Protein backbone atom coordinates (compact mmCIF):
# COMPACT_ATOMS: atom_id res chain seq x y z
CA UNK A 1 12.69 -25.58 -45.18
CA UNK A 2 15.94 -26.16 -44.74
CA UNK A 3 17.17 -28.49 -42.06
CA UNK A 4 20.11 -27.72 -39.70
CA UNK A 5 21.79 -29.93 -37.24
CA UNK A 6 23.78 -28.38 -34.47
CA UNK A 7 26.00 -30.12 -32.03
CA UNK A 8 28.09 -29.75 -29.24
CA UNK A 9 29.98 -31.75 -26.53
CA UNK A 10 28.07 -30.99 -23.52
CA UNK A 11 25.07 -28.81 -22.22
CA UNK A 12 26.38 -27.27 -19.01
CA UNK A 13 27.05 -23.68 -18.06
CA UNK A 14 30.20 -22.56 -19.90
CA UNK A 15 30.42 -19.98 -22.44
CA UNK A 16 30.35 -21.96 -25.66
CA UNK A 17 27.01 -23.40 -24.11
CA UNK A 18 25.64 -20.41 -23.61
CA UNK A 19 26.92 -18.84 -26.60
CA UNK A 20 25.05 -21.61 -27.99
CA UNK A 21 21.56 -21.02 -27.03
CA UNK A 22 21.86 -17.19 -28.35
CA UNK A 23 22.85 -18.76 -31.55
CA UNK A 24 19.89 -20.74 -31.47
CA UNK A 25 17.92 -17.82 -30.82
CA UNK A 26 18.44 -15.85 -33.67
CA UNK A 27 17.74 -18.35 -36.32
CA UNK A 28 14.72 -17.72 -38.56
CA UNK A 29 12.15 -20.44 -38.10
CA UNK A 30 10.28 -19.55 -40.97
CA UNK A 31 13.37 -20.35 -43.33
CA UNK A 32 14.89 -22.85 -40.77
CA UNK A 33 14.16 -26.30 -39.49
CA UNK A 34 16.65 -26.59 -36.40
CA UNK A 35 17.92 -30.16 -34.43
CA UNK A 36 20.42 -30.20 -31.64
CA UNK A 37 22.47 -32.86 -30.43
CA UNK A 38 24.62 -32.91 -27.50
CA UNK A 39 27.41 -35.94 -27.34
CA UNK A 40 27.35 -35.76 -23.40
CA UNK A 41 23.54 -35.71 -22.98
CA UNK A 42 24.02 -33.71 -20.04
CA UNK A 43 23.53 -30.06 -18.49
CA UNK A 44 21.56 -27.22 -17.15
CA UNK A 45 21.43 -25.60 -20.51
CA UNK A 46 18.96 -28.01 -21.96
CA UNK A 47 16.41 -26.12 -20.28
CA UNK A 48 17.43 -22.70 -22.21
CA UNK A 49 16.57 -24.44 -25.40
CA UNK A 50 14.22 -22.96 -27.42
CA UNK A 51 11.02 -24.31 -28.04
CA UNK A 52 11.25 -24.04 -31.71
CA UNK A 53 14.84 -26.55 -31.68
CA UNK A 54 13.94 -30.14 -32.06
CA UNK A 55 16.58 -32.05 -29.13
CA UNK A 56 17.67 -35.26 -30.51
CA UNK A 57 18.93 -36.43 -27.13
CA UNK A 58 16.48 -39.26 -26.20
CA UNK A 59 16.00 -38.69 -22.56
CA UNK A 60 19.12 -35.86 -21.99
CA UNK A 61 19.57 -34.74 -18.09
CA UNK A 62 19.54 -31.38 -16.51
CA UNK A 63 22.32 -32.40 -14.27
CA UNK A 64 25.51 -30.53 -13.85
CA UNK A 65 28.62 -31.66 -16.17
CA UNK A 66 31.09 -29.78 -13.63
CA UNK A 67 31.64 -31.19 -10.24
CA UNK A 68 31.43 -34.06 -8.91
CA UNK A 69 28.33 -35.66 -9.85
CA UNK A 70 29.39 -34.26 -13.25
CA UNK A 71 32.49 -35.99 -13.56
CA UNK A 72 31.07 -39.76 -12.10
CA UNK A 73 28.18 -39.06 -14.79
CA UNK A 74 30.90 -38.54 -17.38
CA UNK A 75 33.30 -41.45 -16.29
CA UNK A 76 30.39 -43.62 -16.17
CA UNK A 77 29.35 -42.82 -19.55
CA UNK A 78 33.10 -43.33 -20.80
CA UNK A 79 33.31 -47.09 -19.62
CA UNK A 80 30.11 -47.77 -20.79
CA UNK A 81 31.35 -46.78 -24.07
CA UNK A 82 34.45 -48.55 -23.95
CA UNK A 83 33.56 -51.71 -23.90
CA UNK A 84 30.07 -52.08 -25.78
CA UNK A 85 31.10 -53.96 -28.86
CA UNK A 86 34.32 -53.95 -27.49
CA UNK A 87 35.28 -50.56 -28.82
CA UNK A 88 38.37 -50.76 -26.01
CA UNK A 89 40.31 -53.09 -28.46
CA UNK A 90 40.57 -51.16 -30.97
CA UNK A 91 40.91 -47.62 -29.31
CA UNK A 92 44.17 -48.30 -27.66
CA UNK A 93 46.37 -47.31 -30.10
CA UNK A 94 45.15 -44.00 -30.72
CA UNK A 95 44.67 -43.69 -26.70
CA UNK A 96 48.47 -44.22 -26.47
CA UNK A 97 48.88 -42.20 -29.70
CA UNK A 98 46.86 -39.58 -28.09
CA UNK A 99 48.89 -39.87 -24.69
CA UNK A 100 52.37 -39.53 -26.11
CA UNK A 101 51.56 -36.28 -28.32
CA UNK A 102 50.32 -34.33 -26.00
CA UNK A 103 53.25 -35.16 -22.94
CA UNK A 104 55.42 -34.11 -26.18
CA UNK A 105 53.53 -30.79 -27.51
CA UNK A 106 52.46 -29.83 -23.84
CA UNK A 107 54.20 -31.18 -21.67
CA UNK A 108 51.19 -32.02 -19.43
CA UNK A 109 47.98 -34.85 -20.06
CA UNK A 110 44.21 -33.43 -20.44
CA UNK A 111 42.20 -36.78 -19.98
CA UNK A 112 38.78 -34.62 -22.12
CA UNK A 113 40.92 -34.52 -25.27
CA UNK A 114 41.46 -37.96 -25.03
CA UNK A 115 38.15 -39.44 -24.42
CA UNK A 116 36.61 -36.89 -27.41
CA UNK A 117 37.63 -39.36 -30.32
CA UNK A 118 35.80 -42.20 -28.35
CA UNK A 119 33.07 -40.50 -27.42
CA UNK A 120 32.21 -38.91 -30.80
CA UNK A 121 32.65 -43.09 -32.13
CA UNK A 122 30.24 -44.01 -30.33
CA UNK A 123 27.08 -41.67 -30.29
CA UNK A 124 24.95 -43.31 -33.13
CA UNK A 125 24.57 -41.36 -36.72
CA UNK A 126 21.45 -39.11 -37.63
CA UNK A 127 19.56 -41.08 -40.10
CA UNK A 128 18.67 -38.23 -41.89
CA UNK A 129 20.93 -35.93 -44.07
CA UNK A 130 20.91 -32.36 -43.63
CA UNK A 131 21.54 -29.11 -45.41
CA UNK A 132 24.10 -27.83 -42.72
CA UNK A 133 25.86 -29.27 -39.83
CA UNK A 134 27.52 -27.12 -37.39
CA UNK A 135 30.01 -28.35 -34.75
CA UNK A 136 29.63 -25.84 -32.42
CA UNK A 137 32.79 -26.62 -30.28
CA UNK A 138 36.44 -28.16 -31.10
CA UNK A 139 37.01 -31.76 -29.97
CA UNK A 140 33.77 -34.19 -30.08
CA UNK A 141 31.06 -32.20 -31.51
CA UNK A 142 33.94 -31.58 -34.51
CA UNK A 143 34.73 -35.30 -34.95
CA UNK A 144 31.18 -36.37 -34.67
CA UNK A 145 29.88 -33.83 -37.46
CA UNK A 146 32.68 -34.83 -40.05
CA UNK A 147 33.05 -38.53 -39.43
CA UNK A 148 28.65 -39.39 -38.78
CA UNK A 149 26.72 -36.57 -39.98
CA UNK A 150 25.45 -36.09 -43.66
CA UNK A 151 25.18 -33.02 -44.56
CA UNK A 152 25.67 -30.71 -48.05
CA UNK A 153 27.86 -28.30 -45.93
CA UNK A 154 29.66 -28.68 -42.95
CA UNK A 155 30.98 -25.53 -40.34
CA UNK A 156 33.44 -26.56 -37.25
CA UNK A 157 33.51 -23.57 -34.98
CA UNK A 158 36.83 -22.64 -32.85
CA UNK A 159 36.55 -20.75 -29.38
CA UNK A 160 39.86 -20.68 -27.97
CA UNK A 161 43.36 -20.41 -28.24
CA UNK A 162 43.92 -23.69 -30.30
CA UNK A 163 47.62 -24.31 -29.59
CA UNK A 164 47.35 -23.90 -25.87
CA UNK A 165 44.07 -25.47 -24.82
CA UNK A 166 46.05 -28.63 -25.99
CA UNK A 167 44.80 -29.39 -29.75
CA UNK A 168 47.07 -31.10 -31.47
CA UNK A 169 47.41 -31.13 -35.05
CA UNK A 170 48.42 -34.50 -36.26
CA UNK A 171 45.23 -36.02 -34.30
CA UNK A 172 42.77 -33.27 -36.05
CA UNK A 173 44.47 -32.11 -39.53
CA UNK A 174 42.09 -34.59 -40.88
CA UNK A 175 38.75 -33.38 -39.45
CA UNK A 176 39.38 -29.45 -40.69
CA UNK A 177 40.40 -30.37 -43.78
CA UNK A 178 36.90 -31.90 -44.57
CA UNK A 179 34.93 -29.15 -42.97
CA UNK A 180 33.98 -26.56 -45.49
CA UNK A 181 33.92 -23.06 -43.05
CA UNK A 182 36.00 -22.91 -40.13
CA UNK A 183 34.00 -20.33 -37.65
CA UNK A 184 36.49 -18.61 -35.12
CA UNK A 185 34.59 -16.21 -32.44
CA UNK A 186 37.88 -13.82 -32.85
CA UNK A 187 40.50 -12.42 -34.95
CA UNK A 188 42.96 -13.50 -32.07
CA UNK A 189 41.53 -17.18 -32.43
CA UNK A 190 41.89 -17.06 -35.93
CA UNK A 191 45.29 -16.26 -35.94
CA UNK A 192 47.01 -18.76 -34.17
CA UNK A 193 44.24 -21.47 -35.70
CA UNK A 194 46.07 -20.12 -39.21
CA UNK A 195 49.48 -20.60 -37.91
CA UNK A 196 48.74 -23.36 -37.06
CA UNK A 197 46.74 -24.96 -40.06
CA UNK A 198 48.32 -22.16 -42.75
CA UNK A 199 46.49 -24.96 -46.01
CA UNK A 200 42.68 -23.36 -44.26
CA UNK A 201 43.64 -19.88 -44.34
CA UNK A 202 40.82 -19.60 -47.38
CA UNK A 203 37.92 -21.13 -45.52
CA UNK A 204 38.28 -19.44 -41.60
CA UNK A 205 36.22 -17.20 -40.72
CA UNK A 206 35.34 -15.07 -38.17
CA UNK A 207 31.83 -15.49 -36.70
CA UNK A 208 31.81 -13.81 -33.26
CA UNK A 209 29.35 -15.32 -30.29
CA UNK A 210 26.01 -13.88 -30.52
CA UNK A 211 24.88 -11.45 -27.51
CA UNK A 212 22.05 -9.46 -25.98
CA UNK A 213 23.09 -6.55 -24.07
CA UNK A 214 19.26 -5.82 -23.10
CA UNK A 215 18.62 -9.36 -21.80
CA UNK A 216 21.94 -8.98 -19.88
CA UNK A 217 21.12 -6.60 -18.39
CA UNK A 218 17.80 -7.71 -17.47
CA UNK A 219 18.86 -10.91 -15.98
CA UNK A 220 21.58 -8.77 -13.85
CA UNK A 221 17.67 -7.39 -12.26
CA UNK A 222 16.85 -10.83 -11.57
CA UNK A 223 16.57 -12.51 -8.34
CA UNK A 224 19.45 -10.98 -5.38
CA UNK A 225 23.01 -10.25 -5.17
CA UNK A 226 25.09 -10.84 -1.76
CA UNK A 227 22.99 -11.12 1.00
CA UNK A 228 26.14 -11.40 3.70
CA UNK A 229 26.39 -7.86 5.03
CA UNK A 230 30.37 -7.32 3.92
CA UNK A 231 31.01 -4.14 3.45
CA UNK A 232 34.13 -4.19 1.98
CA UNK A 233 35.37 -4.22 -1.96
CA UNK A 234 33.86 -7.16 -3.40
CA UNK A 235 36.08 -8.46 -6.42
CA UNK A 236 34.34 -11.51 -8.76
CA UNK A 237 35.34 -13.83 -10.99
CA UNK A 238 32.58 -16.08 -13.25
CA UNK A 239 33.98 -19.37 -14.85
CA UNK A 240 34.91 -23.09 -14.34
CA UNK A 241 37.36 -24.11 -12.00
CA UNK A 242 40.09 -25.05 -14.80
CA UNK A 243 43.98 -24.37 -15.02
CA UNK A 244 43.06 -22.46 -17.81
CA UNK A 245 41.11 -19.78 -15.64
CA UNK A 246 44.63 -18.83 -13.68
CA UNK A 247 42.61 -19.18 -10.60
CA UNK A 248 46.42 -21.03 -8.89
CA UNK A 249 47.43 -17.56 -9.43
CA UNK A 250 44.80 -15.29 -8.57
CA UNK A 251 44.93 -17.44 -5.09
CA UNK A 252 48.58 -16.14 -3.96
CA UNK A 253 47.67 -12.84 -5.80
CA UNK A 254 45.66 -12.29 -3.48
CA UNK A 255 47.27 -13.74 -0.30
CA UNK A 256 50.04 -11.08 -1.10
CA UNK A 257 47.11 -7.93 -1.76
CA UNK A 258 45.70 -9.40 2.23
CA UNK A 259 48.97 -9.10 3.55
CA UNK A 260 49.88 -6.06 2.37
CA UNK A 261 47.05 -4.65 4.77
CA UNK A 262 44.09 -4.81 1.98
CA UNK A 263 41.87 -7.07 4.84
CA UNK A 264 38.55 -5.39 4.21
CA UNK A 265 38.01 -7.33 0.99
CA UNK A 266 36.47 -10.38 -0.72
CA UNK A 267 37.11 -12.56 -3.79
CA UNK A 268 34.53 -14.73 -5.12
CA UNK A 269 34.44 -17.16 -7.78
CA UNK A 270 31.45 -18.64 -9.44
CA UNK A 271 32.00 -22.22 -11.18
CA UNK A 272 32.58 -25.46 -10.48
CA UNK A 273 35.24 -28.14 -12.02
CA UNK A 274 37.80 -30.92 -11.19
CA UNK A 275 40.49 -28.29 -9.72
CA UNK A 276 37.79 -27.31 -6.53
CA UNK A 277 39.67 -29.56 -4.45
CA UNK A 278 43.17 -28.51 -5.33
CA UNK A 279 42.20 -24.84 -5.27
CA UNK A 280 40.38 -25.20 -1.30
CA UNK A 281 44.28 -26.40 -0.62
CA UNK A 282 45.54 -24.02 -2.12
CA UNK A 283 43.06 -21.58 -0.07
CA UNK A 284 43.72 -22.90 3.22
CA UNK A 285 47.47 -23.07 2.70
CA UNK A 286 47.12 -19.07 2.11
CA UNK A 287 45.10 -18.30 4.96
CA UNK A 288 42.27 -17.05 3.14
CA UNK A 289 39.05 -18.99 4.23
CA UNK A 290 36.34 -16.66 4.44
CA UNK A 291 38.29 -14.37 2.30
CA UNK A 292 38.58 -15.88 -0.91
CA UNK A 293 35.39 -17.99 -1.53
CA UNK A 294 34.17 -20.06 -3.95
CA UNK A 295 30.73 -19.84 -4.43
CA UNK A 296 29.61 -23.10 -6.77
CA UNK A 297 27.96 -23.07 -10.19
CA UNK A 298 25.09 -20.63 -10.52
CA UNK A 299 22.20 -20.61 -12.74
CA UNK A 300 23.02 -16.55 -13.22
CA UNK A 301 25.93 -14.83 -11.50
CA UNK A 302 24.48 -11.65 -13.30
CA UNK A 303 23.00 -9.83 -9.93
CA UNK A 304 26.64 -10.82 -8.10
CA UNK A 305 28.31 -9.73 -10.81
CA UNK A 306 25.80 -6.52 -11.05
CA UNK A 307 26.82 -6.52 -6.84
CA UNK A 308 30.42 -6.45 -7.00
CA UNK A 309 32.99 -3.61 -7.14
CA UNK A 310 35.75 -5.34 -9.45
CA UNK A 311 35.20 -8.16 -11.87
CA UNK A 312 39.02 -10.49 -12.42
CA UNK A 313 39.35 -12.96 -15.39
CA UNK A 314 42.74 -13.93 -14.34
CA UNK A 315 42.75 -16.54 -17.48
CA UNK A 316 46.00 -18.06 -18.90
CA UNK A 317 44.54 -18.29 -22.41
CA UNK A 318 40.34 -17.57 -23.83
CA UNK A 319 38.76 -16.52 -27.12
CA UNK A 320 36.79 -13.84 -26.44
CA UNK A 321 34.96 -15.44 -23.33
CA UNK A 322 31.35 -14.41 -22.47
CA UNK A 323 31.36 -13.71 -18.96
CA UNK A 324 33.86 -10.86 -19.39
CA UNK A 325 31.58 -9.37 -21.91
CA UNK A 326 28.77 -9.51 -19.50
CA UNK A 327 30.78 -7.52 -16.94
CA UNK A 328 31.78 -4.97 -19.43
CA UNK A 329 27.82 -4.76 -20.21
CA UNK A 330 27.45 -4.01 -17.02
CA UNK A 331 29.96 -1.63 -16.40
CA UNK A 332 32.13 -3.60 -13.67
CA UNK A 333 35.78 -2.00 -13.56
CA UNK A 334 37.86 -5.18 -15.12
CA UNK A 335 41.26 -6.45 -14.81
CA UNK A 336 42.28 -8.60 -17.36
CA UNK A 337 45.27 -10.53 -17.89
CA UNK A 338 46.44 -10.61 -22.04
CA UNK A 339 45.67 -13.75 -22.34
CA UNK A 340 45.81 -13.60 -26.43
CA UNK A 341 42.38 -13.71 -27.32
CA UNK A 342 39.86 -10.49 -28.20
CA UNK A 343 41.77 -8.38 -26.09
CA UNK A 344 41.63 -6.22 -29.23
CA UNK A 345 38.15 -4.54 -27.88
CA UNK A 346 40.15 -3.45 -24.79
CA UNK A 347 42.14 -0.34 -24.19
CA UNK A 348 44.16 -0.45 -21.16
CA UNK A 349 43.11 2.07 -18.43
CA UNK A 350 40.19 3.07 -20.65
CA UNK A 351 38.05 0.08 -20.39
CA UNK A 352 39.52 -2.31 -18.59
CA UNK A 353 43.25 -2.64 -17.20
CA UNK A 354 45.15 -5.12 -18.76
CA UNK A 355 47.76 -7.01 -17.77
CA UNK A 356 50.33 -9.82 -18.45
CA UNK A 357 49.57 -12.54 -16.10
CA UNK A 358 51.01 -13.26 -13.10
CA UNK A 359 51.02 -13.04 -9.35
CA UNK A 360 52.75 -9.71 -8.82
CA UNK A 361 50.93 -8.17 -11.83
CA UNK A 362 47.40 -8.85 -10.53
CA UNK A 363 48.21 -7.71 -6.71
CA UNK A 364 49.50 -4.37 -7.96
CA UNK A 365 46.76 -3.89 -10.30
CA UNK A 366 43.93 -4.90 -7.68
CA UNK A 367 45.57 -2.13 -5.00
CA UNK A 368 45.59 0.27 -7.78
CA UNK A 369 42.02 -0.34 -8.81
CA UNK A 370 41.04 -0.83 -4.84
CA UNK A 371 42.99 2.94 -3.90
CA UNK A 372 42.00 5.24 -6.65
CA UNK A 373 38.18 5.29 -7.03
CA UNK A 374 38.44 8.03 -9.93
CA UNK A 375 40.40 4.93 -11.67
CA UNK A 376 37.54 2.92 -10.94
CA UNK A 377 35.16 5.13 -12.67
CA UNK A 378 36.76 5.83 -15.57
CA UNK A 379 37.26 1.90 -16.57
CA UNK A 380 33.48 1.45 -15.38
CA UNK A 381 32.43 4.37 -18.28
CA UNK A 382 34.53 3.10 -20.54
CA UNK A 383 33.18 -0.37 -20.06
CA UNK A 384 29.70 0.43 -20.64
CA UNK A 385 30.73 1.53 -23.71
CA UNK A 386 32.67 -0.63 -25.27
CA UNK A 387 31.26 -1.82 -28.46
CA UNK A 388 30.27 -5.42 -28.35
CA UNK A 389 27.92 -4.87 -31.22
CA UNK A 390 29.29 -7.33 -33.09
CA UNK A 391 26.87 -8.17 -36.24
CA UNK A 392 24.78 -11.49 -36.28
CA UNK A 393 26.17 -13.74 -38.99
CA UNK A 394 23.48 -16.19 -38.40
CA UNK A 395 22.17 -15.49 -41.95
CA UNK A 396 25.33 -16.30 -43.43
CA UNK A 397 24.46 -19.57 -42.81
CA UNK A 398 21.01 -19.41 -44.71
CA UNK A 399 23.67 -18.34 -47.90
CA UNK A 400 25.89 -21.21 -47.37
CA UNK A 401 22.54 -23.60 -47.47
CA UNK A 402 21.11 -21.83 -50.64
CA UNK A 403 24.47 -20.92 -52.81
CA UNK A 404 27.13 -23.34 -51.26
CA UNK A 405 29.27 -20.23 -50.25
CA UNK A 406 30.03 -17.70 -47.60
CA UNK A 407 28.66 -14.42 -48.00
CA UNK A 408 29.21 -11.86 -45.27
CA UNK A 409 26.42 -9.64 -44.41
C-alpha cells in the first residue's frame, strides 16, 4: 500500500484547513495509507480528521488558533523553539533578511512570514520515507516538506495570490525548485504564481479545493441561526479578522450606508483574529455598536449564512474562498470584491454582484441589493445554479505514486 504524508501549518478554522478535511475524505483508504502532520499542533479542525488518517502530532490541542488564546499559544511555541539548542543564534541573519525583503517588496511587515521557517526547521523530521508528501499550504508546510521529509515525490499547494499574500521569491525560490508539482487552487492563483516563477510553468497544475455541496446544505440545517429577534436586513461575512479580508473598508462603507438612512440593517461577521481590537475601535469610531457585529468564531456558521439575506466578501485578495463557495451553494445573493482570485465562476449581475474594492462601491452595491428584491432573487437563483462541481483530482496523486507523472482525469 502506498503511503502519503500531508503537512499543513495549523488546524485552525480557516478555509485551507477545512478544504484539507475534504481532501482527506476523498482518499481511497483501500489503496493508500495517509498520515497528517500540523506544524503548529493546535486547532479545532483536528476533530474532523477521518479515522483512517494517522495524526503524527503526539498530543494535539483542540484549542483555537485565532484569537488571544491562539496567539499566546503560538507565541509561546515560537519562543520555546527559538531558544531550543540556541537556534536563535543561527536565525538572526535570516530574520533580518526576511524583514528587509518584506519591507522592500510589500512596504509592510507580517510576523507570520517571519516565523514559518523557524517552526519548520525546528519540527522533527519523520523517521520513515513516504511515496508522496503533500504540503497543503504555503509557508511552513512547504518548507518542512522540502527540507525535512523523505519522499519519492513532493507536491506543494498554493491557495492565495502569492504576491499579495506577502510571500517573497528570494526566500522561497529554492523550495519551489525542489518540488515535483505545484498545485494552485485556481487559474487566477496559477497565473500570479507563474508570473513570479516562470521557470516552473510546466509543473504548475490546477487542483481546486474539493467541496461536497450536499454536506454544505446538510450542515446549514444543523443547529439554529439567528435568535436576536431582528426583523431587518441581515448581511453576513465569514472569515478570519485579517487585513486581507477588507473589514477596514467594509466598516466605513457600512457607516455610510447607515448615515444614508439604511438603519434597519445589521452586518454579522463570523471569525476571529489579531485584528479584532482594531476593528472594534473602528466600529466604535463610526458608532456602529450593535449594527456591525463581530460574532467570534463558530464551528458551523452555515445556519447563520442560510438565515442571512446577503453574503458579503470584501476581500483585498483571495484564491477562491470556501466561505464564498458555501454561500453560493446555499443560494445567497453575494456581494464580492474583485479580489483577482477565481472570479471566473462569477458573472456580475447573474450569480453575484462583483465590484472593485472601495468604500464607495460597497455602499452603492449594498443599497442596490437591499432596495431591489428582484435583483436579489435573480442573483440568488444564479448563485444556486453556479457550477461548482470541480472534478475530484485525488486520482492524480495515485498516478504520481505509480508512474511518477501527473495525469489528468
